[in-house]
Amino acid sequence: MLNKTRELCFKLNYASKLPLYAQMAYLLKKGIKNGVLENENLPSVKDLMESSGVTNDVVVRAYRVLEESGIIRYKSSAAFAQDKGV
């Protein structure tokens, strides 16, 4: 999930029936659960959008799904991993 320069990298499947935002939410959740993103600021919407090649809406929806599930929290317009034991 993180490359050698600690940039978040996603492999989203554009041919999948699963929406891109759901794929991204799943991958973020997996990274949090596995400790890859533990206690770290998650990438900004803009950074994640640019690194994954998706639209702003995809990232915002993915973060919203995770926030509603209690997996992340927002603090001063930043997203943080909530709990490793997802």
Foldseek 3Di string as FASTA:
>chain_A
DADPVRQDADDADPPDPDDLLCRVLVVVLVCLLVVVQAFHWDDALVSVCVRHVHDSVSPVSSVVVCVVVVQWDDDPRIIHGRDNND
